[in-house]
């Protein structure tokens, strides 16, 4: 049984190259320990988007051409581009994400597993409240998978009475000093940084 697996791999913006290694190890373990599906071993078909929309679409097309029965990912900022050709071919897709972009929530062929945002976004605000801090700032990479979930951090800050803002840094930025300097200008008490 062929299952497609994609992630963003290595690019100027991110390094998720180890994700495929983990996925392949999981499949090897399942196949070795009778974790096969309906008596058939799993064969993983992998593809990396390299944080490029066109390559992400190519991954979706590759999965269709390779005849996979399902597609999965653990980390990608380009799931919509992969999902479009996959869904058009009637192939189910399982996506792990920090947020659910509108295009992914089709309710039929696509299942989205949302990462626990309480730890990522609520924890800094809980620490701020405990420490009596009143302001905060976060820098994130400017891709939908990182920026869209910031709504959770904003909500956590508002609920905690903390003056909060975030700054989005363009992918591939070699020198973040201007963004860091701007973020620290108002002397925020909470300074979490998400990659």
N, C-alpha and C. Protein backbone atom coordinates (compact mmCIF):
# COMPACT_ATOMS: atom_id res chain seq x y z
N UNK A 1 0.85 -1.16 0.00
CA UNK A 1 0.00 0.00 0.00
C UNK A 1 0.90 1.23 0.00
N UNK A 2 0.69 2.11 -0.97
CA UNK A 2 1.52 3.31 -1.11
C UNK A 2 0.85 4.50 -0.43
N UNK A 3 1.62 5.17 0.44
CA UNK A 3 1.14 6.35 1.13
C UNK A 3 2.11 7.50 0.84
N UNK A 4 1.57 8.64 0.44
CA UNK A 4 2.39 9.80 0.17
C UNK A 4 2.68 10.56 1.45
N UNK A 5 3.91 11.04 1.57
CA UNK A 5 4.29 11.84 2.73
C UNK A 5 5.11 13.04 2.24
N UNK A 6 4.73 14.24 2.66
CA UNK A 6 5.48 15.43 2.24
C UNK A 6 5.79 16.31 3.43
N UNK A 7 6.83 17.11 3.27
CA UNK A 7 7.16 18.16 4.22
C UNK A 7 7.95 19.23 3.46
N UNK A 8 8.33 20.29 4.15
CA UNK A 8 9.03 21.38 3.47
C UNK A 8 10.51 21.11 3.26
N UNK A 9 11.04 20.06 3.88
CA UNK A 9 12.44 19.70 3.66
C UNK A 9 13.38 20.84 4.05
N UNK A 10 14.41 21.02 3.26
CA UNK A 10 15.42 22.04 3.53
C UNK A 10 15.23 23.19 2.54
N UNK A 11 15.15 24.40 3.07
CA UNK A 11 15.06 25.59 2.21
C UNK A 11 15.74 26.74 2.95
N UNK A 12 15.75 27.89 2.33
CA UNK A 12 16.33 29.07 2.99
C UNK A 12 15.53 29.45 4.22
N UNK A 13 14.24 29.10 4.24
CA UNK A 13 13.36 29.50 5.34
C UNK A 13 13.33 28.50 6.48
N UNK A 14 13.38 27.20 6.18
CA UNK A 14 13.19 26.18 7.22
C UNK A 14 14.11 24.99 6.99
N UNK A 15 14.25 24.17 8.03
CA UNK A 15 14.95 22.90 7.91
C UNK A 15 14.11 21.83 8.57
N UNK A 16 13.32 21.13 7.74
CA UNK A 16 12.51 20.03 8.22
C UNK A 16 12.95 18.72 7.55
N UNK A 17 14.23 18.67 7.17
CA UNK A 17 14.74 17.50 6.46
C UNK A 17 14.60 16.23 7.29
N UNK A 18 14.69 16.33 8.61
CA UNK A 18 14.59 15.14 9.46
C UNK A 18 13.19 14.56 9.50
N UNK A 19 12.18 15.32 9.11
CA UNK A 19 10.81 14.82 9.15
C UNK A 19 10.64 13.56 8.31
N UNK A 20 11.25 13.54 7.13
CA UNK A 20 11.14 12.36 6.26
C UNK A 20 11.86 11.16 6.87
N UNK A 21 12.98 11.41 7.53
CA UNK A 21 13.72 10.33 8.19
C UNK A 21 12.84 9.69 9.26
N UNK A 22 12.15 10.51 10.03
CA UNK A 22 11.26 10.01 11.08
C UNK A 22 10.10 9.22 10.47
N UNK A 23 9.50 9.76 9.41
CA UNK A 23 8.38 9.07 8.75
C UNK A 23 8.82 7.71 8.21
N UNK A 24 9.99 7.67 7.58
CA UNK A 24 10.49 6.40 7.04
C UNK A 24 10.78 5.40 8.15
N UNK A 25 11.32 5.88 9.28
CA UNK A 25 11.59 5.00 10.42
C UNK A 25 10.28 4.44 10.99
N UNK A 26 9.25 5.29 11.05
CA UNK A 26 7.95 4.83 11.54
C UNK A 26 7.38 3.74 10.63
N UNK A 27 7.44 3.95 9.32
CA UNK A 27 6.93 2.94 8.39
C UNK A 27 7.73 1.65 8.50
N UNK A 28 9.04 1.76 8.63
CA UNK A 28 9.88 0.57 8.80
C UNK A 28 9.48 -0.20 10.05
N UNK A 29 9.25 0.53 11.14
CA UNK A 29 8.83 -0.09 12.39
C UNK A 29 7.48 -0.78 12.23
N UNK A 30 6.51 -0.07 11.64
CA UNK A 30 5.18 -0.66 11.46
C UNK A 30 5.23 -1.92 10.61
N UNK A 31 5.97 -1.87 9.53
CA UNK A 31 6.07 -3.04 8.65
C UNK A 31 6.76 -4.21 9.35
N UNK A 32 7.74 -3.93 10.21
CA UNK A 32 8.48 -4.98 10.91
C UNK A 32 7.69 -5.58 12.06
N UNK A 33 6.72 -4.83 12.58
CA UNK A 33 5.97 -5.29 13.74
C UNK A 33 4.49 -5.50 13.44
N UNK A 34 4.23 -6.01 12.28
CA UNK A 34 2.88 -6.36 11.85
C UNK A 34 1.91 -5.19 11.92
N UNK A 35 2.41 -3.99 11.68
CA UNK A 35 1.55 -2.83 11.64
C UNK A 35 1.06 -2.56 10.24
N UNK A 36 1.11 -3.59 9.43
CA UNK A 36 0.68 -3.43 8.04
C UNK A 36 -0.83 -3.25 7.99
N UNK A 37 -1.31 -2.67 6.89
CA UNK A 37 -2.73 -2.40 6.73
C UNK A 37 -3.34 -3.46 5.83
N UNK A 38 -4.35 -4.13 6.32
CA UNK A 38 -5.05 -5.18 5.56
C UNK A 38 -4.07 -6.22 5.00
N UNK A 39 -3.05 -6.53 5.80
CA UNK A 39 -2.09 -7.55 5.39
C UNK A 39 -1.06 -7.08 4.38
N UNK A 40 -1.10 -5.81 4.03
CA UNK A 40 -0.14 -5.29 3.05
C UNK A 40 0.82 -4.32 3.72
N UNK A 41 2.12 -4.44 3.43
CA UNK A 41 3.07 -3.50 4.00
C UNK A 41 2.88 -2.10 3.41
N UNK A 42 3.32 -1.11 4.16
CA UNK A 42 3.24 0.28 3.72
C UNK A 42 4.49 0.64 2.94
N UNK A 43 4.29 1.28 1.81
CA UNK A 43 5.41 1.82 1.03
C UNK A 43 5.24 3.34 1.03
N UNK A 44 6.25 4.05 1.54
CA UNK A 44 6.17 5.50 1.65
C UNK A 44 6.71 6.16 0.38
N UNK A 45 5.92 7.07 -0.18
CA UNK A 45 6.34 7.89 -1.32
C UNK A 45 6.54 9.29 -0.76
N UNK A 46 7.79 9.78 -0.73
CA UNK A 46 8.08 11.06 -0.10
C UNK A 46 8.33 12.17 -1.12
N UNK A 47 8.06 13.40 -0.67
CA UNK A 47 8.28 14.57 -1.53
C UNK A 47 8.53 15.77 -0.63
N UNK A 48 9.44 16.66 -1.04
CA UNK A 48 9.73 17.88 -0.29
C UNK A 48 9.29 19.10 -1.09
N UNK A 49 8.60 20.02 -0.44
CA UNK A 49 8.14 21.23 -1.11
C UNK A 49 9.23 22.29 -1.21
N UNK A 50 10.23 22.19 -0.34
CA UNK A 50 11.33 23.17 -0.25
C UNK A 50 10.79 24.60 -0.12
N UNK A 51 9.65 24.70 0.55
CA UNK A 51 8.98 25.99 0.80
C UNK A 51 8.69 26.76 -0.48
N UNK A 52 8.29 26.02 -1.51
CA UNK A 52 8.01 26.61 -2.82
C UNK A 52 6.63 26.13 -3.27
N UNK A 53 5.74 27.08 -3.58
CA UNK A 53 4.36 26.72 -3.95
C UNK A 53 4.31 25.81 -5.18
N UNK A 54 5.13 26.10 -6.18
CA UNK A 54 5.12 25.29 -7.41
C UNK A 54 5.60 23.86 -7.12
N UNK A 55 6.64 23.74 -6.29
CA UNK A 55 7.12 22.39 -5.93
C UNK A 55 6.09 21.65 -5.09
N UNK A 56 5.34 22.39 -4.26
CA UNK A 56 4.29 21.76 -3.46
C UNK A 56 3.20 21.18 -4.37
N UNK A 57 2.83 21.94 -5.40
CA UNK A 57 1.86 21.43 -6.37
C UNK A 57 2.42 20.21 -7.09
N UNK A 58 3.71 20.26 -7.42
CA UNK A 58 4.36 19.10 -8.04
C UNK A 58 4.29 17.87 -7.14
N UNK A 59 4.45 18.08 -5.82
CA UNK A 59 4.34 16.95 -4.88
C UNK A 59 2.94 16.34 -4.97
N UNK A 60 1.91 17.18 -4.98
CA UNK A 60 0.55 16.67 -5.09
C UNK A 60 0.35 15.88 -6.37
N UNK A 61 0.86 16.41 -7.47
CA UNK A 61 0.75 15.69 -8.75
C UNK A 61 1.54 14.39 -8.73
N UNK A 62 2.70 14.40 -8.09
CA UNK A 62 3.51 13.18 -7.99
C UNK A 62 2.74 12.09 -7.25
N UNK A 63 2.08 12.46 -6.16
CA UNK A 63 1.33 11.48 -5.40
C UNK A 63 0.21 10.86 -6.24
N UNK A 64 -0.45 11.69 -7.04
CA UNK A 64 -1.51 11.17 -7.93
C UNK A 64 -0.91 10.21 -8.94
N UNK A 65 0.20 10.60 -9.57
CA UNK A 65 0.86 9.76 -10.59
C UNK A 65 1.37 8.46 -10.00
N UNK A 66 1.83 8.50 -8.74
CA UNK A 66 2.40 7.31 -8.08
C UNK A 66 1.31 6.38 -7.55
N UNK A 67 0.04 6.81 -7.60
CA UNK A 67 -1.06 5.96 -7.18
C UNK A 67 -1.14 5.71 -5.69
N UNK A 68 -0.83 6.72 -4.87
CA UNK A 68 -0.93 6.55 -3.42
C UNK A 68 -2.40 6.46 -3.03
N UNK A 69 -2.66 5.80 -1.89
CA UNK A 69 -4.04 5.68 -1.42
C UNK A 69 -4.40 6.75 -0.40
N UNK A 70 -3.38 7.41 0.15
CA UNK A 70 -3.58 8.51 1.10
C UNK A 70 -2.31 9.35 1.14
N UNK A 71 -2.45 10.58 1.62
CA UNK A 71 -1.31 11.50 1.74
C UNK A 71 -1.31 12.06 3.15
N UNK A 72 -0.10 12.22 3.72
CA UNK A 72 0.01 12.75 5.08
C UNK A 72 1.19 13.71 5.18
N UNK A 73 1.14 14.58 6.18
CA UNK A 73 2.27 15.44 6.51
C UNK A 73 2.25 15.73 7.99
N UNK A 74 3.44 16.05 8.51
CA UNK A 74 3.54 16.49 9.90
C UNK A 74 3.91 17.96 9.96
N UNK A 75 4.62 18.45 8.95
CA UNK A 75 5.09 19.84 8.98
C UNK A 75 5.17 20.39 7.57
N UNK A 76 4.31 21.34 7.25
CA UNK A 76 4.42 22.02 5.96
C UNK A 76 3.61 23.31 6.00
N UNK A 77 4.18 24.32 5.39
CA UNK A 77 3.46 25.58 5.24
C UNK A 77 2.75 25.66 3.90
N UNK A 78 2.76 24.55 3.13
CA UNK A 78 2.24 24.58 1.77
C UNK A 78 1.26 23.43 1.51
N UNK A 79 0.48 23.10 2.53
CA UNK A 79 -0.45 21.97 2.41
C UNK A 79 -1.54 22.22 1.39
N UNK A 80 -2.02 23.45 1.26
CA UNK A 80 -3.09 23.72 0.30
C UNK A 80 -2.63 23.40 -1.12
N UNK A 81 -1.40 23.75 -1.46
CA UNK A 81 -0.90 23.49 -2.82
C UNK A 81 -0.74 21.99 -3.08
N UNK A 82 -0.37 21.22 -2.07
CA UNK A 82 -0.27 19.76 -2.22
C UNK A 82 -1.67 19.17 -2.32
N UNK A 83 -2.57 19.65 -1.48
CA UNK A 83 -3.90 19.06 -1.36
C UNK A 83 -4.76 19.21 -2.60
N UNK A 84 -4.62 20.31 -3.34
CA UNK A 84 -5.53 20.55 -4.47
C UNK A 84 -5.51 19.40 -5.48
N UNK A 85 -4.35 19.00 -6.05
CA UNK A 85 -4.40 17.88 -7.00
C UNK A 85 -4.74 16.54 -6.34
N UNK A 86 -4.34 16.39 -5.07
CA UNK A 86 -4.63 15.15 -4.35
C UNK A 86 -6.13 15.00 -4.15
N UNK A 87 -6.79 16.05 -3.69
CA UNK A 87 -8.24 16.00 -3.47
C UNK A 87 -8.99 15.84 -4.78
N UNK A 88 -8.49 16.49 -5.85
CA UNK A 88 -9.15 16.37 -7.16
C UNK A 88 -9.13 14.93 -7.65
N UNK A 89 -8.12 14.17 -7.21
CA UNK A 89 -8.03 12.76 -7.60
C UNK A 89 -8.77 11.85 -6.62
N UNK A 90 -9.41 12.44 -5.59
CA UNK A 90 -10.19 11.65 -4.64
C UNK A 90 -9.34 10.93 -3.60
N UNK A 91 -8.12 11.42 -3.37
CA UNK A 91 -7.21 10.78 -2.41
C UNK A 91 -7.32 11.51 -1.06
N UNK A 92 -7.57 10.78 0.03
CA UNK A 92 -7.65 11.43 1.34
C UNK A 92 -6.29 11.98 1.78
N UNK A 93 -6.34 13.07 2.55
CA UNK A 93 -5.13 13.75 3.00
C UNK A 93 -5.25 14.03 4.49
N UNK A 94 -4.19 13.72 5.25
CA UNK A 94 -4.13 13.99 6.68
C UNK A 94 -3.03 15.01 6.90
N UNK A 95 -3.39 16.15 7.46
CA UNK A 95 -2.45 17.26 7.63
C UNK A 95 -2.37 17.63 9.10
N UNK A 96 -1.16 17.77 9.60
CA UNK A 96 -0.95 18.30 10.94
C UNK A 96 -0.59 19.76 10.76
N UNK A 97 -1.28 20.65 11.46
CA UNK A 97 -1.06 22.08 11.28
C UNK A 97 -1.26 22.82 12.59
N UNK A 98 -0.76 24.06 12.63
CA UNK A 98 -1.00 24.92 13.79
C UNK A 98 -2.34 25.63 13.67
N UNK A 99 -2.83 25.76 12.45
CA UNK A 99 -4.11 26.42 12.21
C UNK A 99 -4.75 25.74 11.00
N UNK A 100 -6.03 25.97 10.80
CA UNK A 100 -6.74 25.37 9.69
C UNK A 100 -7.09 26.45 8.67
N UNK A 101 -6.26 26.61 7.63
CA UNK A 101 -6.62 27.58 6.59
C UNK A 101 -7.94 27.19 5.95
N UNK A 102 -8.71 28.18 5.52
CA UNK A 102 -10.05 27.92 4.98
C UNK A 102 -10.05 26.86 3.89
N UNK A 103 -9.08 26.88 3.00
CA UNK A 103 -9.06 25.95 1.88
C UNK A 103 -8.88 24.51 2.28
N UNK A 104 -8.35 24.27 3.49
CA UNK A 104 -8.10 22.89 3.92
C UNK A 104 -9.30 22.25 4.58
N UNK A 105 -10.22 23.05 5.03
CA UNK A 105 -11.33 22.52 5.82
C UNK A 105 -12.48 22.05 4.92
N UNK A 106 -12.23 21.05 4.07
CA UNK A 106 -13.28 20.60 3.16
C UNK A 106 -14.21 19.57 3.80
N UNK A 107 -13.78 18.99 4.93
CA UNK A 107 -14.66 18.11 5.68
C UNK A 107 -14.89 16.74 5.08
N UNK A 108 -14.36 16.44 3.92
CA UNK A 108 -14.59 15.13 3.32
C UNK A 108 -13.28 14.37 3.11
N UNK A 109 -12.43 14.86 2.22
CA UNK A 109 -11.20 14.15 1.92
C UNK A 109 -10.02 14.60 2.77
N UNK A 110 -10.14 15.73 3.45
CA UNK A 110 -9.02 16.26 4.20
C UNK A 110 -9.31 16.26 5.69
N UNK A 111 -8.40 15.65 6.46
CA UNK A 111 -8.47 15.69 7.92
C UNK A 111 -7.31 16.52 8.41
N UNK A 112 -7.58 17.50 9.26
CA UNK A 112 -6.53 18.36 9.79
C UNK A 112 -6.41 18.11 11.29
N UNK A 113 -5.23 17.74 11.71
CA UNK A 113 -4.93 17.55 13.12
C UNK A 113 -4.21 18.81 13.59
N UNK A 114 -4.84 19.57 14.46
CA UNK A 114 -4.27 20.85 14.88
C UNK A 114 -3.35 20.64 16.07
N UNK A 115 -2.12 21.15 15.96
CA UNK A 115 -1.16 21.06 17.05
C UNK A 115 -1.68 21.82 18.26
N UNK A 116 -1.30 21.37 19.44
CA UNK A 116 -1.74 22.02 20.66
C UNK A 116 -1.17 23.43 20.79
N UNK A 117 -1.99 24.41 20.55
CA UNK A 117 -1.53 25.79 20.62
C UNK A 117 -1.45 26.30 22.06
N UNK A 118 -2.04 25.59 22.99
CA UNK A 118 -1.98 26.05 24.38
C UNK A 118 -0.54 26.15 24.85
N UNK A 119 0.26 25.13 24.53
CA UNK A 119 1.65 25.14 24.96
C UNK A 119 2.43 26.22 24.22
N UNK A 120 2.26 26.29 22.91
CA UNK A 120 3.03 27.22 22.11
C UNK A 120 2.65 28.66 22.38
N UNK A 121 1.35 28.94 22.46
CA UNK A 121 0.90 30.31 22.54
C UNK A 121 0.42 30.73 23.93
N UNK A 122 -0.13 29.81 24.70
CA UNK A 122 -0.62 30.17 26.01
C UNK A 122 0.45 30.20 27.08
N UNK A 123 1.45 29.33 26.95
CA UNK A 123 2.49 29.23 27.98
C UNK A 123 3.23 30.55 28.21
N UNK A 124 3.69 31.25 27.13
CA UNK A 124 4.39 32.52 27.39
C UNK A 124 3.51 33.52 28.14
N UNK A 125 2.22 33.53 27.85
CA UNK A 125 1.34 34.47 28.53
C UNK A 125 1.13 34.06 29.99
N UNK A 126 1.07 32.76 30.26
CA UNK A 126 0.94 32.29 31.64
C UNK A 126 2.17 32.69 32.45
N UNK A 127 3.35 32.57 31.86
CA UNK A 127 4.58 32.99 32.53
C UNK A 127 4.55 34.50 32.77
N UNK A 128 4.09 35.25 31.76
CA UNK A 128 4.03 36.70 31.89
C UNK A 128 3.14 37.11 33.06
N UNK A 129 1.97 36.46 33.17
CA UNK A 129 1.06 36.78 34.28
C UNK A 129 1.73 36.45 35.60
N UNK A 130 2.34 35.28 35.69
CA UNK A 130 3.01 34.87 36.93
C UNK A 130 4.10 35.85 37.34
N UNK A 131 4.83 36.37 36.32
CA UNK A 131 5.94 37.28 36.60
C UNK A 131 5.51 38.75 36.68
N UNK A 132 4.23 39.02 36.48
CA UNK A 132 3.73 40.39 36.57
C UNK A 132 4.13 41.27 35.38
N UNK A 133 4.36 40.66 34.23
CA UNK A 133 4.75 41.42 33.03
C UNK A 133 3.49 41.95 32.34
N UNK A 134 3.63 43.06 31.64
CA UNK A 134 2.45 43.69 31.05
C UNK A 134 2.52 43.83 29.53
N UNK A 135 3.63 43.41 28.91
CA UNK A 135 3.74 43.54 27.46
C UNK A 135 4.54 42.38 26.89
N UNK A 136 4.35 42.14 25.58
CA UNK A 136 5.07 41.04 24.94
C UNK A 136 5.17 41.21 23.45
N UNK A 137 6.12 40.51 22.86
CA UNK A 137 6.33 40.54 21.42
C UNK A 137 6.88 39.18 20.98
N UNK A 138 6.50 38.76 19.78
CA UNK A 138 6.99 37.52 19.20
C UNK A 138 7.39 37.78 17.76
N UNK A 139 8.48 37.17 17.32
CA UNK A 139 8.86 37.19 15.91
C UNK A 139 8.59 35.82 15.33
N UNK A 140 7.95 35.78 14.15
CA UNK A 140 7.66 34.53 13.46
C UNK A 140 8.06 34.66 12.00
N UNK A 141 8.31 33.54 11.37
CA UNK A 141 8.59 33.56 9.94
C UNK A 141 7.28 33.87 9.20
N UNK A 142 7.36 34.65 8.16
CA UNK A 142 6.16 35.13 7.47
C UNK A 142 5.66 34.11 6.45
N UNK A 143 5.14 33.00 6.96
CA UNK A 143 4.46 31.99 6.13
C UNK A 143 3.13 31.69 6.82
N UNK A 144 2.10 31.32 6.08
CA UNK A 144 0.78 31.12 6.69
C UNK A 144 0.77 30.18 7.89
N UNK A 145 1.55 29.10 7.83
CA UNK A 145 1.54 28.13 8.92
C UNK A 145 2.07 28.72 10.22
N UNK A 146 2.87 29.79 10.15
CA UNK A 146 3.39 30.44 11.36
C UNK A 146 2.58 31.66 11.75
N UNK A 147 2.11 32.43 10.76
CA UNK A 147 1.42 33.68 11.04
C UNK A 147 -0.03 33.44 11.48
N UNK A 148 -0.74 32.53 10.81
CA UNK A 148 -2.17 32.33 11.12
C UNK A 148 -2.42 31.92 12.58
N UNK A 149 -1.57 31.07 13.17
CA UNK A 149 -1.84 30.70 14.56
C UNK A 149 -1.56 31.80 15.58
N UNK A 150 -0.98 32.91 15.14
CA UNK A 150 -0.70 33.99 16.08
C UNK A 150 -1.99 34.55 16.68
N UNK A 151 -3.12 34.24 16.06
CA UNK A 151 -4.40 34.65 16.63
C UNK A 151 -4.59 34.05 18.03
N UNK A 152 -4.03 32.84 18.24
CA UNK A 152 -4.14 32.21 19.55
C UNK A 152 -3.32 32.97 20.58
N UNK A 153 -2.11 33.40 20.18
CA UNK A 153 -1.26 34.14 21.11
C UNK A 153 -1.88 35.50 21.42
N UNK A 154 -2.45 36.13 20.38
CA UNK A 154 -3.13 37.42 20.61
C UNK A 154 -4.29 37.25 21.58
N UNK A 155 -5.06 36.17 21.41
CA UNK A 155 -6.19 35.91 22.31
C UNK A 155 -5.71 35.62 23.72
N UNK A 156 -4.65 34.84 23.83
CA UNK A 156 -4.10 34.53 25.16
C UNK A 156 -3.61 35.80 25.84
N UNK A 157 -2.98 36.69 25.07
CA UNK A 157 -2.49 37.95 25.63
C UNK A 157 -3.65 38.84 26.06
N UNK A 158 -4.66 38.94 25.21
CA UNK A 158 -5.82 39.78 25.54
C UNK A 158 -6.50 39.27 26.80
N UNK A 159 -6.65 37.95 26.90
CA UNK A 159 -7.28 37.35 28.07
C UNK A 159 -6.44 37.52 29.33
N UNK A 160 -5.14 37.74 29.15
CA UNK A 160 -4.24 37.90 30.29
C UNK A 160 -3.98 39.36 30.62
N UNK A 161 -4.57 40.27 29.82
CA UNK A 161 -4.36 41.69 30.05
C UNK A 161 -2.97 42.17 29.67
N UNK A 162 -2.36 41.52 28.69
CA UNK A 162 -1.00 41.86 28.27
C UNK A 162 -1.05 42.60 26.94
N UNK A 163 -0.33 43.72 26.86
CA UNK A 163 -0.19 44.47 25.62
C UNK A 163 0.78 43.68 24.74
N UNK A 164 0.29 43.17 23.62
CA UNK A 164 1.05 42.20 22.84
C UNK A 164 1.02 42.52 21.36
N UNK A 165 2.13 42.21 20.67
CA UNK A 165 2.19 42.31 19.21
C UNK A 165 3.15 41.26 18.69
N UNK A 166 3.05 40.97 17.39
CA UNK A 166 4.03 40.06 16.79
C UNK A 166 4.53 40.69 15.50
N UNK A 167 5.73 40.27 15.12
CA UNK A 167 6.34 40.74 13.87
C UNK A 167 6.63 39.55 12.98
N UNK A 168 6.27 39.67 11.71
CA UNK A 168 6.52 38.60 10.74
C UNK A 168 7.78 38.91 9.95
N UNK A 169 8.70 37.96 9.92
CA UNK A 169 9.98 38.12 9.23
C UNK A 169 9.93 37.34 7.92
N UNK A 170 10.22 37.99 6.78
CA UNK A 170 10.17 37.30 5.49
C UNK A 170 11.11 36.09 5.45
N UNK A 171 10.67 34.98 4.83
CA UNK A 171 11.54 33.82 4.68
C UNK A 171 12.85 34.21 3.98
N UNK A 172 13.93 33.62 4.43
CA UNK A 172 15.22 33.86 3.80
C UNK A 172 15.92 35.12 4.28
N UNK A 173 15.34 35.82 5.26
CA UNK A 173 15.98 37.03 5.78
C UNK A 173 17.31 36.64 6.43
N UNK A 174 18.40 37.16 5.90
CA UNK A 174 19.72 36.80 6.40
C UNK A 174 20.05 37.53 7.70
N UNK A 175 19.60 38.76 7.83
CA UNK A 175 19.90 39.57 9.01
C UNK A 175 18.59 40.07 9.61
N UNK A 176 18.22 39.52 10.76
CA UNK A 176 16.97 39.90 11.41
C UNK A 176 17.14 41.05 12.39
N UNK A 177 18.32 41.65 12.43
CA UNK A 177 18.56 42.71 13.40
C UNK A 177 17.54 43.85 13.32
N UNK A 178 17.14 44.31 12.11
CA UNK A 178 16.13 45.37 12.07
C UNK A 178 14.80 44.95 12.70
N UNK A 179 14.37 43.71 12.46
CA UNK A 179 13.11 43.24 13.04
C UNK A 179 13.23 43.08 14.56
N UNK A 180 14.37 42.57 15.00
CA UNK A 180 14.59 42.40 16.43
C UNK A 180 14.63 43.76 17.13
N UNK A 181 15.36 44.71 16.53
CA UNK A 181 15.45 46.05 17.11
C UNK A 181 14.08 46.70 17.22
N UNK A 182 13.27 46.58 16.15
CA UNK A 182 11.91 47.14 16.17
C UNK A 182 11.06 46.45 17.22
N UNK A 183 11.18 45.13 17.35
CA UNK A 183 10.38 44.37 18.31
C UNK A 183 10.72 44.75 19.75
N UNK A 184 11.97 45.08 20.00
CA UNK A 184 12.40 45.38 21.36
C UNK A 184 12.29 46.87 21.71
N UNK A 185 11.88 47.69 20.76
CA UNK A 185 11.82 49.14 20.95
C UNK A 185 10.97 49.55 22.15
N UNK A 186 9.85 48.88 22.36
CA UNK A 186 8.96 49.23 23.48
C UNK A 186 9.26 48.44 24.75
N UNK A 187 10.41 47.76 24.78
CA UNK A 187 10.86 47.01 25.96
C UNK A 187 9.82 46.01 26.46
N UNK A 188 9.42 45.06 25.60
CA UNK A 188 8.41 44.07 26.04
C UNK A 188 8.96 43.16 27.13
N UNK A 189 8.08 42.74 28.01
CA UNK A 189 8.48 41.84 29.07
C UNK A 189 8.59 40.40 28.61
N UNK A 190 7.74 40.00 27.65
CA UNK A 190 7.72 38.63 27.13
C UNK A 190 8.30 38.67 25.72
N UNK A 191 9.32 37.85 25.48
CA UNK A 191 9.96 37.87 24.18
C UNK A 191 10.12 36.45 23.62
N UNK A 192 9.04 35.68 23.50
CA UNK A 192 9.18 34.34 22.90
C UNK A 192 9.50 34.46 21.42
N UNK A 193 10.23 33.50 20.92
CA UNK A 193 10.60 33.46 19.49
C UNK A 193 10.22 32.10 18.95
N UNK A 194 9.38 32.05 17.93
CA UNK A 194 8.98 30.79 17.30
C UNK A 194 9.71 30.66 15.99
N UNK A 195 10.19 29.46 15.66
CA UNK A 195 10.87 29.29 14.39
C UNK A 195 9.91 28.88 13.32
